[in-house]
């Protein structure tokens, strides 16, 4: 796994912190989830097929 540093507006950071807290997950986990979902929805990342 790689480390990526980004700058975001305070307003967005506060909202992400709130969502992460409500979901009982770390902020970094929420951000990974959001990025992964966006990539899948836009065809940049394949959906993993469930193992049978």
N, C-alpha and C. Protein backbone atom coordinates (compact mmCIF):
# COMPACT_ATOMS: atom_id res chain seq x y z
N UNK A 1 0.85 -1.17 0.00
CA UNK A 1 0.00 0.00 0.00
C UNK A 1 0.90 1.23 0.00
N UNK A 2 0.45 2.27 -0.70
CA UNK A 2 1.21 3.51 -0.82
C UNK A 2 0.56 4.62 0.00
N UNK A 3 1.36 5.58 0.41
CA UNK A 3 0.88 6.74 1.13
C UNK A 3 0.69 7.89 0.14
N UNK A 4 -0.50 8.53 0.19
CA UNK A 4 -0.80 9.67 -0.67
C UNK A 4 -1.24 10.82 0.23
N UNK A 5 -0.67 11.97 0.04
CA UNK A 5 -1.04 13.16 0.80
C UNK A 5 -1.81 14.10 -0.11
N UNK A 6 -2.96 14.56 0.36
CA UNK A 6 -3.77 15.49 -0.43
C UNK A 6 -4.19 16.68 0.43
N UNK A 7 -4.53 17.77 -0.22
CA UNK A 7 -5.06 18.94 0.47
C UNK A 7 -6.53 19.05 0.08
N UNK A 8 -7.40 19.22 1.08
CA UNK A 8 -8.81 19.39 0.83
C UNK A 8 -9.33 20.56 1.67
N UNK A 9 -10.40 21.20 1.24
CA UNK A 9 -10.96 22.30 2.02
C UNK A 9 -11.40 21.82 3.41
N UNK A 10 -11.29 22.71 4.38
CA UNK A 10 -11.68 22.38 5.76
C UNK A 10 -13.10 21.84 5.84
N UNK A 11 -14.00 22.43 5.09
CA UNK A 11 -15.41 22.03 5.10
C UNK A 11 -15.58 20.55 4.70
N UNK A 12 -14.85 20.13 3.68
CA UNK A 12 -14.92 18.73 3.23
C UNK A 12 -14.29 17.81 4.27
N UNK A 13 -13.17 18.21 4.84
CA UNK A 13 -12.50 17.40 5.87
C UNK A 13 -13.41 17.19 7.07
N UNK A 14 -14.09 18.25 7.50
CA UNK A 14 -15.00 18.13 8.64
C UNK A 14 -16.13 17.18 8.33
N UNK A 15 -16.69 17.25 7.13
CA UNK A 15 -17.78 16.37 6.74
C UNK A 15 -17.31 14.92 6.67
N UNK A 16 -16.13 14.69 6.12
CA UNK A 16 -15.58 13.34 6.05
C UNK A 16 -15.31 12.78 7.45
N UNK A 17 -14.78 13.62 8.34
CA UNK A 17 -14.56 13.20 9.73
C UNK A 17 -15.88 12.77 10.38
N UNK A 18 -16.92 13.55 10.15
CA UNK A 18 -18.24 13.27 10.72
C UNK A 18 -18.79 11.93 10.19
N UNK A 19 -18.70 11.73 8.89
CA UNK A 19 -19.18 10.49 8.28
C UNK A 19 -18.40 9.29 8.80
N UNK A 20 -17.08 9.42 8.84
CA UNK A 20 -16.24 8.32 9.34
C UNK A 20 -16.59 7.99 10.79
N UNK A 21 -16.77 9.00 11.60
CA UNK A 21 -17.13 8.79 13.00
C UNK A 21 -18.48 8.06 13.10
N UNK A 22 -19.47 8.51 12.33
CA UNK A 22 -20.79 7.87 12.35
C UNK A 22 -20.75 6.43 11.85
N UNK A 23 -19.85 6.13 10.93
CA UNK A 23 -19.69 4.77 10.40
C UNK A 23 -18.74 3.92 11.25
N UNK A 24 -18.19 4.52 12.30
CA UNK A 24 -17.24 3.85 13.18
C UNK A 24 -16.08 3.25 12.40
N UNK A 25 -15.48 4.09 11.56
CA UNK A 25 -14.32 3.67 10.77
C UNK A 25 -13.30 4.80 10.75
N UNK A 26 -12.04 4.48 10.53
CA UNK A 26 -11.03 5.53 10.41
C UNK A 26 -11.27 6.37 9.15
N UNK A 27 -10.86 7.62 9.21
CA UNK A 27 -11.00 8.51 8.06
C UNK A 27 -10.32 7.93 6.82
N UNK A 28 -9.14 7.39 6.99
CA UNK A 28 -8.41 6.85 5.84
C UNK A 28 -9.18 5.71 5.17
N UNK A 29 -9.86 4.89 5.96
CA UNK A 29 -10.66 3.80 5.42
C UNK A 29 -11.83 4.35 4.61
N UNK A 30 -12.48 5.39 5.11
CA UNK A 30 -13.59 6.00 4.39
C UNK A 30 -13.11 6.58 3.06
N UNK A 31 -11.99 7.28 3.08
CA UNK A 31 -11.46 7.88 1.85
C UNK A 31 -11.11 6.80 0.83
N UNK A 32 -10.49 5.69 1.27
CA UNK A 32 -10.20 4.57 0.35
C UNK A 32 -11.49 4.02 -0.25
N UNK A 33 -12.52 3.88 0.58
CA UNK A 33 -13.80 3.37 0.11
C UNK A 33 -14.40 4.29 -0.95
N UNK A 34 -14.40 5.59 -0.69
CA UNK A 34 -14.95 6.57 -1.64
C UNK A 34 -14.19 6.51 -2.97
N UNK A 35 -12.87 6.50 -2.91
CA UNK A 35 -12.06 6.46 -4.13
C UNK A 35 -12.30 5.16 -4.89
N UNK A 36 -12.32 4.05 -4.19
CA UNK A 36 -12.54 2.75 -4.83
C UNK A 36 -13.89 2.69 -5.51
N UNK A 37 -14.94 3.16 -4.83
CA UNK A 37 -16.28 3.16 -5.44
C UNK A 37 -16.32 4.03 -6.68
N UNK A 38 -15.70 5.20 -6.63
CA UNK A 38 -15.68 6.10 -7.78
C UNK A 38 -14.98 5.43 -8.97
N UNK A 39 -13.84 4.82 -8.70
CA UNK A 39 -13.10 4.15 -9.77
C UNK A 39 -13.91 3.03 -10.41
N UNK A 40 -14.61 2.25 -9.60
CA UNK A 40 -15.46 1.17 -10.13
C UNK A 40 -16.62 1.74 -10.95
N UNK A 41 -17.29 2.76 -10.43
CA UNK A 41 -18.43 3.36 -11.11
C UNK A 41 -18.07 3.98 -12.45
N UNK A 42 -16.83 4.42 -12.58
CA UNK A 42 -16.38 5.06 -13.82
C UNK A 42 -15.56 4.14 -14.71
N UNK A 43 -15.56 2.86 -14.41
CA UNK A 43 -14.92 1.87 -15.27
C UNK A 43 -13.41 1.83 -15.22
N UNK A 44 -12.82 2.36 -14.16
CA UNK A 44 -11.36 2.38 -14.04
C UNK A 44 -10.83 1.23 -13.20
N UNK A 45 -11.74 0.50 -12.55
CA UNK A 45 -11.34 -0.59 -11.67
C UNK A 45 -12.39 -1.67 -11.80
N UNK A 46 -11.95 -2.90 -12.03
CA UNK A 46 -12.89 -4.00 -12.18
C UNK A 46 -13.46 -4.42 -10.84
N UNK A 47 -14.73 -4.83 -10.87
CA UNK A 47 -15.36 -5.39 -9.69
C UNK A 47 -14.75 -6.77 -9.44
N UNK A 48 -14.45 -7.06 -8.18
CA UNK A 48 -13.93 -8.39 -7.85
C UNK A 48 -15.11 -9.36 -7.86
N UNK A 49 -14.91 -10.50 -8.53
CA UNK A 49 -15.94 -11.52 -8.58
C UNK A 49 -15.92 -12.33 -7.29
N UNK A 50 -17.10 -12.60 -6.71
CA UNK A 50 -17.12 -13.41 -5.48
C UNK A 50 -16.62 -14.83 -5.76
N UNK A 51 -15.89 -15.38 -4.79
CA UNK A 51 -15.39 -16.74 -4.92
C UNK A 51 -16.52 -17.71 -4.69
N UNK A 52 -16.58 -18.75 -5.50
CA UNK A 52 -17.63 -19.75 -5.34
C UNK A 52 -17.15 -20.94 -4.58
